[in-house]
PDB file of N, CA and C in Angstrom:
ATOM      1  N   MET A   1       5.047   6.973  10.795  1.00  0.00           N
ATOM      2  CA  MET A   1       4.118   5.916  10.197  1.00  0.00           C
ATOM      3  C   MET A   1       4.931   4.579   9.908  1.00  0.00           C
ATOM      4  N   HIS A   2       4.594   3.679  11.170  1.00  0.00           N
ATOM      5  CA  HIS A   2       5.258   2.481  11.530  1.00  0.00           C
ATOM      6  C   HIS A   2       4.665   1.461  10.444  1.00  0.00           C
ATOM      7  N   GLU A   3       3.823   1.508   9.851  1.00  0.00           N
ATOM      8  CA  GLU A   3       3.202   0.532   9.078  1.00  0.00           C
ATOM      9  C   GLU A   3       4.285   0.242   7.872  1.00  0.00           C
ATOM     10  N   TYR A   4       5.318   1.435   7.429  1.00  0.00           N
ATOM     11  CA  TYR A   4       5.939   1.042   6.535  1.00  0.00           C
ATOM     12  C   TYR A   4       7.299   0.264   6.966  1.00  0.00           C
ATOM     13  N   SER A   5       7.686   0.396   8.188  1.00  0.00           N
ATOM     14  CA  SER A   5       8.921  -0.188   8.660  1.00  0.00           C
ATOM     15  C   SER A   5       8.179  -1.858   8.812  1.00  0.00           C
ATOM     16  N   ILE A   6       7.064  -1.837   9.323  1.00  0.00           N
ATOM     17  CA  ILE A   6       6.618  -3.446   9.434  1.00  0.00           C
ATOM     18  C   ILE A   6       6.356  -4.113   7.903  1.00  0.00           C
ATOM     19  N   ALA A   7       5.838  -3.332   7.059  1.00  0.00           N
ATOM     20  CA  ALA A   7       5.687  -3.823   5.401  1.00  0.00           C
ATOM     21  C   ALA A   7       7.286  -4.413   4.955  1.00  0.00           C
ATOM     22  N   TYR A   8       8.274  -3.038   5.366  1.00  0.00           N
ATOM     23  CA  TYR A   8       9.432  -3.570   5.056  1.00  0.00           C
ATOM     24  C   TYR A   8      10.198  -4.782   5.683  1.00  0.00           C
ATOM     25  N   ASP A   9       9.621  -4.826   6.814  1.00  0.00           N
ATOM     26  CA  ASP A   9      10.343  -6.110   7.702  1.00  0.00           C
ATOM     27  C   ASP A   9       9.640  -7.272   7.155  1.00  0.00           C
ATOM     28  N   ILE A  10       8.416  -7.194   6.691  1.00  0.00           N
ATOM     29  CA  ILE A  10       7.952  -8.414   6.220  1.00  0.00           C
ATOM     30  C   ILE A  10       8.728  -8.904   4.790  1.00  0.00           C
ATOM     31  N   TYR A  11       8.690  -7.725   3.959  1.00  0.00           N
ATOM     32  CA  TYR A  11       9.584  -7.963   2.983  1.00  0.00           C
ATOM     33  C   TYR A  11      11.038  -8.412   2.993  1.00  0.00           C
ATOM     34  N   THR A  12      11.662  -8.202   4.251  1.00  0.00           N
ATOM     35  CA  THR A  12      13.398  -8.506   4.401  1.00  0.00           C
ATOM     36  C   THR A  12      13.166 -10.146   4.845  1.00  0.00           C
ATOM     37  N   THR A  13      12.259 -10.307   5.694  1.00  0.00           N
ATOM     38  CA  THR A  13      12.026 -11.841   6.237  1.00  0.00           C
ATOM     39  C   THR A  13      11.581 -12.577   5.150  1.00  0.00           C
ATOM     40  N   ALA A  14      10.780 -12.243   4.166  1.00  0.00           N
ATOM     41  CA  ALA A  14      10.478 -13.332   3.158  1.00  0.00           C
ATOM     42  C   ALA A  14      11.499 -13.441   2.133  1.00  0.00           C
ATOM     43  N   ARG A  15      11.848 -12.241   1.969  1.00  0.00           N
ATOM     44  CA  ARG A  15      13.153 -12.393   0.692  1.00  0.00           C
ATOM     45  C   ARG A  15      14.464 -13.108   1.350  1.00  0.00           C
ATOM     46  N   ARG A  16      14.726 -13.160   2.592  1.00  0.00           N
ATOM     47  CA  ARG A  16      15.790 -13.841   3.183  1.00  0.00           C
ATOM     48  C   ARG A  16      15.461 -15.186   3.261  1.00  0.00           C
ATOM     49  N   ALA A  17      14.432 -15.410   3.676  1.00  0.00           N
ATOM     50  CA  ALA A  17      13.778 -16.811   3.641  1.00  0.00           C
ATOM     51  C   ALA A  17      13.788 -17.525   2.401  1.00  0.00           C
ATOM     52  N   ALA A  18      13.315 -16.887   1.248  1.00  0.00           N
ATOM     53  CA  ALA A  18      13.322 -17.271   0.011  1.00  0.00           C
ATOM     54  C   ALA A  18      14.891 -17.654  -0.549  1.00  0.00           C
ATOM     55  N   ILE A  19      15.959 -16.515  -0.133  1.00  0.00           N
ATOM     56  CA  ILE A  19      17.136 -16.899  -1.093  1.00  0.00           C
ATOM     57  C   ILE A  19      17.483 -17.871  -0.113  1.00  0.00           C
ATOM     58  N   GLU A  20      17.449 -18.346   1.031  1.00  0.00           N
ATOM     59  CA  GLU A  20      18.088 -19.394   2.089  1.00  0.00           C
ATOM     60  C   GLU A  20      17.655 -20.515   1.230  1.00  0.00           C
ATOM     61  N   ASN A  21      16.615 -20.630   0.848  1.00  0.00           N
ATOM     62  CA  ASN A  21      15.813 -21.824   0.433  1.00  0.00           C
ATOM     63  C   ASN A  21      15.840 -22.043  -1.315  1.00  0.00           C
ATOM     64  N   ASN A  22      16.803 -21.008  -1.695  1.00  0.00           N
ATOM     65  CA  ASN A  22      16.975 -20.955  -3.471  1.00  0.00           C
ATOM     66  C   ASN A  22      15.913 -20.878  -4.139  1.00  0.00           C
ATOM     67  N   ALA A  23      14.745 -20.193  -3.748  1.00  0.00           N
ATOM     68  CA  ALA A  23      13.374 -19.868  -4.216  1.00  0.00           C
ATOM     69  C   ALA A  23      13.537 -18.953  -5.841  1.00  0.00           C
ATOM     70  N   LYS A  24      12.979 -19.532  -6.487  1.00  0.00           N
ATOM     71  CA  LYS A  24      12.866 -18.761  -7.765  1.00  0.00           C
ATOM     72  C   LYS A  24      11.731 -17.457  -7.612  1.00  0.00           C
ATOM     73  N   GLU A  25      10.851 -17.750  -6.845  1.00  0.00           N
ATOM     74  CA  GLU A  25       9.585 -17.104  -6.350  1.00  0.00           C
ATOM     75  C   GLU A  25       9.265 -16.890  -5.189  1.00  0.00           C
ATOM     76  N   ILE A  26       8.412 -15.943  -4.941  1.00  0.00           N
ATOM     77  CA  ILE A  26       7.697 -16.008  -3.587  1.00  0.00           C
ATOM     78  C   ILE A  26       6.209 -15.821  -3.896  1.00  0.00           C
ATOM     79  N   THR A  27       5.364 -16.674  -3.541  1.00  0.00           N
ATOM     80  CA  THR A  27       4.093 -16.674  -3.975  1.00  0.00           C
ATOM     81  C   THR A  27       3.184 -16.039  -2.942  1.00  0.00           C
ATOM     82  N   CYS A  28       3.174 -16.081  -1.717  1.00  0.00           N
ATOM     83  CA  CYS A  28       2.407 -15.764  -0.742  1.00  0.00           C
ATOM     84  C   CYS A  28       3.031 -15.623   0.798  1.00  0.00           C
ATOM     85  N   ILE A  29       2.764 -14.602   1.154  1.00  0.00           N
ATOM     86  CA  ILE A  29       3.459 -14.292   2.886  1.00  0.00           C
ATOM     87  C   ILE A  29       2.121 -14.194   3.482  1.00  0.00           C
ATOM     88  N   SER A  30       1.827 -15.079   4.657  1.00  0.00           N
ATOM     89  CA  SER A  30       1.014 -14.850   5.419  1.00  0.00           C
ATOM     90  C   SER A  30       1.457 -14.495   6.758  1.00  0.00           C
ATOM     91  N   VAL A  31       0.767 -13.543   7.523  1.00  0.00           N
ATOM     92  CA  VAL A  31       0.934 -12.428   8.572  1.00  0.00           C
ATOM     93  C   VAL A  31      -0.236 -12.518   9.653  1.00  0.00           C
ATOM     94  N   ASP A  32       0.263 -12.933  10.922  1.00  0.00           N
ATOM     95  CA  ASP A  32      -0.986 -12.642  12.144  1.00  0.00           C
ATOM     96  C   ASP A  32      -0.562 -11.275  12.324  1.00  0.00           C
ATOM     97  N   VAL A  33      -2.065 -10.507  12.461  1.00  0.00           N
ATOM     98  CA  VAL A  33      -1.978  -9.100  12.876  1.00  0.00           C
ATOM     99  C   VAL A  33      -2.828  -8.848  14.182  1.00  0.00           C
ATOM    100  N   GLY A  34      -1.975  -8.803  15.332  1.00  0.00           N
ATOM    101  CA  GLY A  34      -3.215  -8.566  16.386  1.00  0.00           C
ATOM    102  C   GLY A  34      -4.062  -7.261  16.292  1.00  0.00           C
ATOM    103  N   ARG A  35      -5.144  -7.461  16.938  1.00  0.00           N
ATOM    104  CA  ARG A  35      -6.032  -6.135  17.048  1.00  0.00           C
ATOM    105  C   ARG A  35      -5.487  -4.991  17.890  1.00  0.00           C
ATOM    106  N   MET A  36      -4.852  -5.541  18.936  1.00  0.00           N
ATOM    107  CA  MET A  36      -4.173  -4.547  19.859  1.00  0.00           C
ATOM    108  C   MET A  36      -2.441  -4.202  19.163  1.00  0.00           C
ATOM    109  N   ALA A  37      -2.172  -4.711  18.169  1.00  0.00           N
ATOM    110  CA  ALA A  37      -0.860  -4.068  17.622  1.00  0.00           C
ATOM    111  C   ALA A  37      -0.719  -2.639  17.106  1.00  0.00           C
ATOM    112  N   MET A  38      -2.066  -2.025  16.941  1.00  0.00           N
ATOM    113  CA  MET A  38      -2.162  -0.590  16.644  1.00  0.00           C
ATOM    114  C   MET A  38      -1.631  -0.408  15.308  1.00  0.00           C
ATOM    115  N   VAL A  39      -2.053  -1.146  14.491  1.00  0.00           N
ATOM    116  CA  VAL A  39      -1.360  -1.406  13.045  1.00  0.00           C
ATOM    117  C   VAL A  39      -2.591  -1.448  12.273  1.00  0.00           C
ATOM    118  N   ASN A  40      -2.676  -0.829  11.027  1.00  0.00           N
ATOM    119  CA  ASN A  40      -3.806  -0.966  10.107  1.00  0.00           C
ATOM    120  C   ASN A  40      -3.334  -1.942   8.807  1.00  0.00           C
ATOM    121  N   PRO A  41      -3.864  -2.917   9.090  1.00  0.00           N
ATOM    122  CA  PRO A  41      -3.233  -4.146   8.058  1.00  0.00           C
ATOM    123  C   PRO A  41      -3.439  -3.600   6.597  1.00  0.00           C
ATOM    124  N   GLU A  42      -4.520  -3.090   6.192  1.00  0.00           N
ATOM    125  CA  GLU A  42      -4.594  -2.535   4.720  1.00  0.00           C
ATOM    126  C   GLU A  42      -3.404  -1.724   4.426  1.00  0.00           C
ATOM    127  N   GLN A  43      -3.261  -0.955   5.195  1.00  0.00           N
ATOM    128  CA  GLN A  43      -2.006   0.027   5.080  1.00  0.00           C
ATOM    129  C   GLN A  43      -0.584  -0.640   5.000  1.00  0.00           C
ATOM    130  N   VAL A  44      -0.353  -1.607   5.584  1.00  0.00           N
ATOM    131  CA  VAL A  44       0.716  -2.521   5.547  1.00  0.00           C
ATOM    132  C   VAL A  44       0.983  -3.400   4.317  1.00  0.00           C
ATOM    133  N   GLU A  45      -0.391  -3.704   3.671  1.00  0.00           N
ATOM    134  CA  GLU A  45      -0.568  -4.640   2.555  1.00  0.00           C
ATOM    135  C   GLU A  45      -0.016  -3.464   1.396  1.00  0.00           C
ATOM    136  N   PHE A  46      -1.034  -2.397   1.479  1.00  0.00           N
ATOM    137  CA  PHE A  46      -0.293  -1.204   0.439  1.00  0.00           C
ATOM    138  C   PHE A  46       1.025  -1.076   0.280  1.00  0.00           C
ATOM    139  N   LEU A  47       1.438  -0.759   1.535  1.00  0.00           N
ATOM    140  CA  LEU A  47       3.001  -0.439   1.286  1.00  0.00           C
ATOM    141  C   LEU A  47       3.520  -1.546   1.134  1.00  0.00           C
ATOM    142  N   PHE A  48       3.310  -2.850   1.497  1.00  0.00           N
ATOM    143  CA  PHE A  48       4.289  -3.773   0.931  1.00  0.00           C
ATOM    144  C   PHE A  48       4.269  -4.090  -0.532  1.00  0.00           C
ATOM    145  N   ASN A  49       3.059  -3.857  -1.324  1.00  0.00           N
ATOM    146  CA  ASN A  49       2.955  -3.844  -2.602  1.00  0.00           C
ATOM    147  C   ASN A  49       3.894  -2.869  -3.278  1.00  0.00           C
ATOM    148  N   VAL A  50       3.857  -1.802  -2.628  1.00  0.00           N
ATOM    149  CA  VAL A  50       4.928  -0.742  -2.911  1.00  0.00           C
ATOM    150  C   VAL A  50       6.460  -1.250  -3.051  1.00  0.00           C
ATOM    151  N   ILE A  51       6.446  -1.805  -1.743  1.00  0.00           N
ATOM    152  CA  ILE A  51       7.906  -2.167  -1.912  1.00  0.00           C
ATOM    153  C   ILE A  51       8.378  -3.077  -2.619  1.00  0.00           C
ATOM    154  N   ILE A  52       7.642  -4.341  -2.842  1.00  0.00           N
ATOM    155  CA  ILE A  52       8.109  -5.225  -3.770  1.00  0.00           C
ATOM    156  C   ILE A  52       7.899  -4.862  -5.432  1.00  0.00           C
ATOM    157  N   GLU A  53       7.203  -3.734  -5.777  1.00  0.00           N
ATOM    158  CA  GLU A  53       7.405  -3.715  -6.956  1.00  0.00           C
ATOM    159  C   GLU A  53       8.490  -3.892  -8.162  1.00  0.00           C
ATOM    160  N   GLU A  54       9.753  -3.464  -7.845  1.00  0.00           N
ATOM    161  CA  GLU A  54      10.912  -3.888  -8.322  1.00  0.00           C
ATOM    162  C   GLU A  54      11.683  -5.038  -8.295  1.00  0.00           C
ATOM    163  N   ASP A  55      11.232  -5.863  -7.448  1.00  0.00           N
ATOM    164  CA  ASP A  55      11.852  -6.789  -7.079  1.00  0.00           C
ATOM    165  C   ASP A  55      11.531  -8.176  -7.722  1.00  0.00           C
ATOM    166  N   PRO A  56      12.023  -8.884  -8.802  1.00  0.00           N
ATOM    167  CA  PRO A  56      11.231  -9.762  -9.480  1.00  0.00           C
ATOM    168  C   PRO A  56      10.946 -11.337  -8.740  1.00  0.00           C
ATOM    169  N   LEU A  57      11.686 -11.236  -7.497  1.00  0.00           N
ATOM    170  CA  LEU A  57      11.230 -12.418  -6.804  1.00  0.00           C
ATOM    171  C   LEU A  57       9.987 -12.269  -6.140  1.00  0.00           C
ATOM    172  N   PHE A  58       9.290 -11.167  -6.211  1.00  0.00           N
ATOM    173  CA  PHE A  58       8.128 -11.053  -5.634  1.00  0.00           C
ATOM    174  C   PHE A  58       6.908 -10.737  -6.681  1.00  0.00           C
ATOM    175  N   SER A  59       7.445 -11.028  -7.909  1.00  0.00           N
ATOM    176  CA  SER A  59       6.388 -10.581  -8.862  1.00  0.00           C
ATOM    177  C   SER A  59       4.994 -11.073  -8.811  1.00  0.00           C
ATOM    178  N   GLY A  60       4.717 -12.298  -8.155  1.00  0.00           N
ATOM    179  CA  GLY A  60       3.568 -12.777  -8.175  1.00  0.00           C
ATOM    180  C   GLY A  60       2.786 -12.961  -6.815  1.00  0.00           C
ATOM    181  N   ALA A  61       3.546 -12.363  -5.854  1.00  0.00           N
ATOM    182  CA  ALA A  61       3.410 -12.333  -4.437  1.00  0.00           C
ATOM    183  C   ALA A  61       2.127 -11.714  -4.100  1.00  0.00           C
ATOM    184  N   ARG A  62       1.620 -12.340  -2.887  1.00  0.00           N
ATOM    185  CA  ARG A  62       0.339 -11.767  -2.237  1.00  0.00           C
ATOM    186  C   ARG A  62       0.852 -11.609  -0.882  1.00  0.00           C
ATOM    187  N   LEU A  63       0.294 -10.538   0.013  1.00  0.00           N
ATOM    188  CA  LEU A  63       0.511 -10.712   1.407  1.00  0.00           C
ATOM    189  C   LEU A  63      -1.012 -10.994   1.869  1.00  0.00           C
ATOM    190  N   VAL A  64      -1.329 -11.931   2.798  1.00  0.00           N
ATOM    191  CA  VAL A  64      -2.365 -12.393   3.332  1.00  0.00           C
ATOM    192  C   VAL A  64      -2.167 -11.756   4.965  1.00  0.00           C
ATOM    193  N   CYS A  65      -2.641 -11.147   5.399  1.00  0.00           N
ATOM    194  CA  CYS A  65      -3.268 -10.700   7.066  1.00  0.00           C
ATOM    195  C   CYS A  65      -4.274 -11.341   7.653  1.00  0.00           C
ATOM    196  N   ARG A  66      -3.756 -12.174   8.633  1.00  0.00           N
ATOM    197  CA  ARG A  66      -5.043 -12.543   9.342  1.00  0.00           C
ATOM    198  C   ARG A  66      -5.221 -11.929  10.556  1.00  0.00           C
ATOM    199  N   ASP A  67      -6.436 -11.322  11.046  1.00  0.00           N
ATOM    200  CA  ASP A  67      -6.829 -10.696  12.090  1.00  0.00           C
ATOM    201  C   ASP A  67      -6.746 -11.578  13.345  1.00  0.00           C
ATOM    202  N   ILE A  68      -5.967 -11.232  14.695  1.00  0.00           N
ATOM    203  CA  ILE A  68      -5.961 -11.943  15.689  1.00  0.00           C
ATOM    204  C   ILE A  68      -6.539 -11.199  16.735  1.00  0.00           C
ATOM    205  N   GLU A  69      -7.642 -11.532  17.442  1.00  0.00           N
ATOM    206  CA  GLU A  69      -8.313 -11.059  18.572  1.00  0.00           C
ATOM    207  C   GLU A  69      -7.483 -11.176  19.698  1.00  0.00           C
ATOM    208  N   ALA A  70      -8.042 -10.266  20.864  1.00  0.00           N
ATOM    209  CA  ALA A  70      -7.088 -10.202  21.778  1.00  0.00           C
ATOM    210  C   ALA A  70      -7.620 -11.417  22.902  1.00  0.00           C
ATOM    211  N   ARG A  71      -6.812 -12.122  23.408  1.00  0.00           N
ATOM    212  CA  ARG A  71      -7.222 -13.071  24.606  1.00  0.00           C
ATOM    213  C   ARG A  71      -5.978 -12.422  25.778  1.00  0.00           C
ATOM    214  N   THR A  72      -6.980 -12.993  27.052  1.00  0.00           N
ATOM    215  CA  THR A  72      -6.493 -12.337  28.237  1.00  0.00           C
ATOM    216  C   THR A  72      -6.642 -13.488  29.045  1.00  0.00           C
ATOM    217  N   ARG A  73      -5.506 -13.504  30.047  1.00  0.00           N
ATOM    218  CA  ARG A  73      -5.707 -14.470  31.196  1.00  0.00           C
ATOM    219  C   ARG A  73      -5.588 -13.877  32.689  1.00  0.00           C
ATOM    220  N   CYS A  74      -5.960 -14.047  33.692  1.00  0.00           N
ATOM    221  CA  CYS A  74      -5.982 -13.656  34.821  1.00  0.00           C
ATOM    222  C   CYS A  74      -5.540 -14.920  35.994  1.00  0.00           C
ATOM    223  N   SER A  75      -4.817 -13.999  37.103  1.00  0.00           N
ATOM    224  CA  SER A  75      -4.055 -15.175  38.090  1.00  0.00           C
ATOM    225  C   SER A  75      -5.325 -15.788  38.704  1.00  0.00           C
ATOM    226  N   CYS A  76      -6.629 -15.156  38.724  1.00  0.00           N
ATOM    227  CA  CYS A  76      -7.989 -15.848  39.097  1.00  0.00           C
ATOM    228  C   CYS A  76      -8.267 -16.950  38.498  1.00  0.00           C
ATOM    229  N   GLY A  77      -7.904 -17.053  37.233  1.00  0.00           N
ATOM    230  CA  GLY A  77      -8.161 -18.311  36.421  1.00  0.00           C
ATOM    231  C   GLY A  77      -9.273 -17.926  35.256  1.00  0.00           C
ATOM    232  N   TYR A  78      -9.466 -16.936  35.213  1.00  0.00           N
ATOM    233  CA  TYR A  78     -10.271 -16.235  33.845  1.00  0.00           C
ATOM    234  C   TYR A  78      -9.471 -16.324  32.808  1.00  0.00           C
ATOM    235  N   GLU A  79      -9.933 -16.700  31.523  1.00  0.00           N
ATOM    236  CA  GLU A  79      -9.544 -16.559  30.175  1.00  0.00           C
ATOM    237  C   GLU A  79     -10.454 -16.204  29.216  1.00  0.00           C
ATOM    238  N   GLY A  80     -10.451 -15.135  28.639  1.00  0.00           N
ATOM    239  CA  GLY A  80     -11.328 -14.543  27.502  1.00  0.00           C
ATOM    240  C   GLY A  80     -10.725 -13.406  27.024  1.00  0.00           C
ATOM    241  N   SER A  81     -11.441 -12.279  26.546  1.00  0.00           N
ATOM    242  CA  SER A  81     -11.160 -11.253  25.939  1.00  0.00           C
ATOM    243  C   SER A  81     -11.010  -9.958  26.482  1.00  0.00           C
ATOM    244  N   GLU A  82     -11.834  -9.686  27.821  1.00  0.00           N
ATOM    245  CA  GLU A  82     -11.656  -8.854  28.480  1.00  0.00           C
ATOM    246  C   GLU A  82     -10.588  -8.006  28.730  1.00  0.00           C
ATOM    247  N   ARG A  83     -10.034  -7.124  28.285  1.00  0.00           N
ATOM    248  CA  ARG A  83      -8.416  -6.422  28.339  1.00  0.00           C
ATOM    249  C   ARG A  83      -8.239  -5.602  29.452  1.00  0.00           C
ATOM    250  N   PHE A  84      -9.306  -4.917  29.848  1.00  0.00           N
ATOM    251  CA  PHE A  84      -8.938  -3.924  31.087  1.00  0.00           C
ATOM    252  C   PHE A  84      -9.543  -4.179  32.698  1.00  0.00           C
ATOM    253  N   VAL A  85     -10.181  -5.011  32.808  1.00  0.00           N
ATOM    254  CA  VAL A  85     -10.810  -5.394  34.181  1.00  0.00           C
ATOM    255  C   VAL A  85     -11.207  -7.205  33.945  1.00  0.00           C
ATOM    256  N   CYS A  86     -10.645  -7.888  34.740  1.00  0.00           N
ATOM    257  CA  CYS A  86     -11.247  -9.004  35.010  1.00  0.00           C
ATOM    258  C   CYS A  86     -12.405  -9.268  35.434  1.00  0.00           C
ATOM    259  N   PRO A  87     -13.327  -9.861  34.816  1.00  0.00           N
ATOM    260  CA  PRO A  87     -14.891 -10.035  35.163  1.00  0.00           C
ATOM    261  C   PRO A  87     -14.971 -10.835  36.614  1.00  0.00           C
ATOM    262  N   ARG A  88     -13.988 -11.519  36.999  1.00  0.00           N
ATOM    263  CA  ARG A  88     -14.374 -12.362  37.952  1.00  0.00           C
ATOM    264  C   ARG A  88     -13.756 -11.870  39.459  1.00  0.00           C
ATOM    265  N   CYS A  89     -12.613 -10.903  39.013  1.00  0.00           N
ATOM    266  CA  CYS A  89     -11.854 -10.495  40.374  1.00  0.00           C
ATOM    267  C   CYS A  89     -11.759  -8.968  40.368  1.00  0.00           C
ATOM    268  N   GLY A  90     -11.706  -8.428  39.117  1.00  0.00           N
ATOM    269  CA  GLY A  90     -11.541  -6.936  39.097  1.00  0.00           C
ATOM    270  C   GLY A  90      -9.861  -6.654  39.095  1.00  0.00           C
ATOM    271  N   LYS A  91      -9.189  -7.469  38.743  1.00  0.00           N
ATOM    272  CA  LYS A  91      -7.488  -7.290  38.470  1.00  0.00           C
ATOM    273  C   LYS A  91      -7.578  -7.027  37.065  1.00  0.00           C
ATOM    274  N   LEU A  92      -6.372  -6.373  36.910  1.00  0.00           N
ATOM    275  CA  LEU A  92      -5.907  -6.513  35.275  1.00  0.00           C
ATOM    276  C   LEU A  92      -5.546  -7.618  34.912  1.00  0.00           C
ATOM    277  N   PRO A  93      -6.071  -8.029  33.767  1.00  0.00           N
ATOM    278  CA  PRO A  93      -5.573  -9.412  33.260  1.00  0.00           C
ATOM    279  C   PRO A  93      -4.361  -9.091  32.108  1.00  0.00           C
ATOM    280  N   GLU A  94      -3.652 -10.182  31.967  1.00  0.00           N
ATOM    281  CA  GLU A  94      -2.563 -10.272  31.355  1.00  0.00           C
ATOM    282  C   GLU A  94      -2.968 -10.588  29.884  1.00  0.00           C
ATOM    283  N   VAL A  95      -2.337  -9.815  28.921  1.00  0.00           N
ATOM    284  CA  VAL A  95      -2.690  -9.903  27.486  1.00  0.00           C
ATOM    285  C   VAL A  95      -1.899 -10.994  27.090  1.00  0.00           C
ATOM    286  N   VAL A  96      -2.341 -12.064  26.501  1.00  0.00           N
ATOM    287  CA  VAL A  96      -1.742 -13.249  26.063  1.00  0.00           C
ATOM    288  C   VAL A  96      -1.589 -13.388  24.496  1.00  0.00           C
ATOM    289  N   ALA A  97      -2.459 -12.792  23.721  1.00  0.00           N
ATOM    290  CA  ALA A  97      -2.342 -12.584  22.512  1.00  0.00           C
ATOM    291  C   ALA A  97      -3.235 -11.434  21.689  1.00  0.00           C
ATOM    292  N   GLY A  98      -2.919 -11.075  20.698  1.00  0.00           N
ATOM    293  CA  GLY A  98      -3.425  -9.972  19.905  1.00  0.00           C
ATOM    294  C   GLY A  98      -2.683  -8.766  19.843  1.00  0.00           C
ATOM    295  N   MET A  99      -1.419  -8.793  20.184  1.00  0.00           N
ATOM    296  CA  MET A  99      -0.434  -7.586  20.520  1.00  0.00           C
ATOM    297  C   MET A  99       0.434  -7.954  19.369  1.00  0.00           C
ATOM    298  N   GLU A 100       0.720  -9.140  18.630  1.00  0.00           N
ATOM    299  CA  GLU A 100       1.681  -9.914  17.854  1.00  0.00           C
ATOM    300  C   GLU A 100       1.328  -9.191  16.321  1.00  0.00           C
ATOM    301  N   ILE A 101       2.508  -9.236  15.648  1.00  0.00           N
ATOM    302  CA  ILE A 101       2.778  -9.196  14.361  1.00  0.00           C
ATOM    303  C   ILE A 101       3.618 -10.034  13.899  1.00  0.00           C
ATOM    304  N   VAL A 102       3.381 -11.274  13.380  1.00  0.00           N
ATOM    305  CA  VAL A 102       4.105 -12.304  13.055  1.00  0.00           C
ATOM    306  C   VAL A 102       3.971 -13.020  11.681  1.00  0.00           C
ATOM    307  N   VAL A 103       5.196 -12.993  10.901  1.00  0.00           N
ATOM    308  CA  VAL A 103       4.997 -13.845   9.493  1.00  0.00           C
ATOM    309  C   VAL A 103       5.053 -15.268  10.118  1.00  0.00           C
ATOM    310  N   THR A 104       3.899 -16.056   9.615  1.00  0.00           N
ATOM    311  CA  THR A 104       3.448 -17.177  10.069  1.00  0.00           C
ATOM    312  C   THR A 104       3.679 -18.309   8.826  1.00  0.00           C
ATOM    313  N   ASN A 105       3.826 -17.771   7.903  1.00  0.00           N
ATOM    314  CA  ASN A 105       4.125 -18.615   6.378  1.00  0.00           C
ATOM    315  C   ASN A 105       4.563 -18.221   5.328  1.00  0.00           C
ATOM    316  N   ILE A 106       5.564 -18.714   4.447  1.00  0.00           N
ATOM    317  CA  ILE A 106       5.796 -18.061   3.441  1.00  0.00           C
ATOM    318  C   ILE A 106       6.022 -19.257   2.283  1.00  0.00           C
ATOM    319  N   GLU A 107       5.331 -18.943   1.280  1.00  0.00           N
ATOM    320  CA  GLU A 107       4.991 -19.650  -0.027  1.00  0.00           C
ATOM    321  C   GLU A 107       6.055 -19.510  -1.019  1.00  0.00           C
ATOM    322  N   ILE A 108       6.721 -20.357  -1.515  1.00  0.00           N
ATOM    323  CA  ILE A 108       8.159 -20.184  -2.538  1.00  0.00           C
ATOM    324  C   ILE A 108       7.867 -20.899  -3.707  1.00  0.00           C
ATOM    325  N   GLU A 109       8.311 -20.645  -4.730  1.00  0.00           N
ATOM    326  CA  GLU A 109       8.177 -21.635  -5.698  1.00  0.00           C
ATOM    327  C   GLU A 109       9.961 -22.215  -5.971  1.00  0.00           C
ATOM    328  N   VAL A 110      10.472 -23.393  -6.168  1.00  0.00           N
ATOM    329  CA  VAL A 110      11.973 -23.452  -6.390  1.00  0.00           C
ATOM    330  C   VAL A 110      11.984 -24.458  -7.570  1.00  0.00           C
ATOM    331  N   ASP A 111      13.165 -24.313  -7.996  1.00  0.00           N
ATOM    332  CA  ASP A 111      13.341 -25.325  -9.387  1.00  0.00           C
ATOM    333  C   ASP A 111      13.751 -26.601  -8.757  1.00  0.00           C
ATOM    334  N   GLU A 112      12.965 -27.456  -9.656  1.00  0.00           N
ATOM    335  CA  GLU A 112      13.036 -28.897  -9.245  1.00  0.00           C
ATOM    336  C   GLU A 112      14.552 -29.063  -9.895  1.00  0.00           C
ATOM    337  N   ALA A 113      15.324 -30.240  -9.049  1.00  0.00           N
ATOM    338  CA  ALA A 113      16.450 -30.377  -9.445  1.00  0.00           C
ATOM    339  C   ALA A 113      16.804 -31.982  -9.374  1.00  0.00           C
TER     340      ALA A 113
END
């Protein structure tokens, strides 16, 4: 179950960023999840919520996963969503998006000083 390790990595990334920025609370973590990443975003979200249960820094945090479509590019100039065979020349196109799992934003609350 690699969804657990992904959820844990999101947790540690957000926690580290919050501590480095003297946050008192994390409110939202945004993550891009590519359709070809072979990950169930709902499962990642469920496991993330289990992981953060005991951490007061995450008391009101929510995880928002954005679905990223697959995008490909071919040496012939084709750009689109065909993943297996270029519709122009028949070659195998290169996947340029849709395989990633990336934390894109972490919203935190800090004490006003």
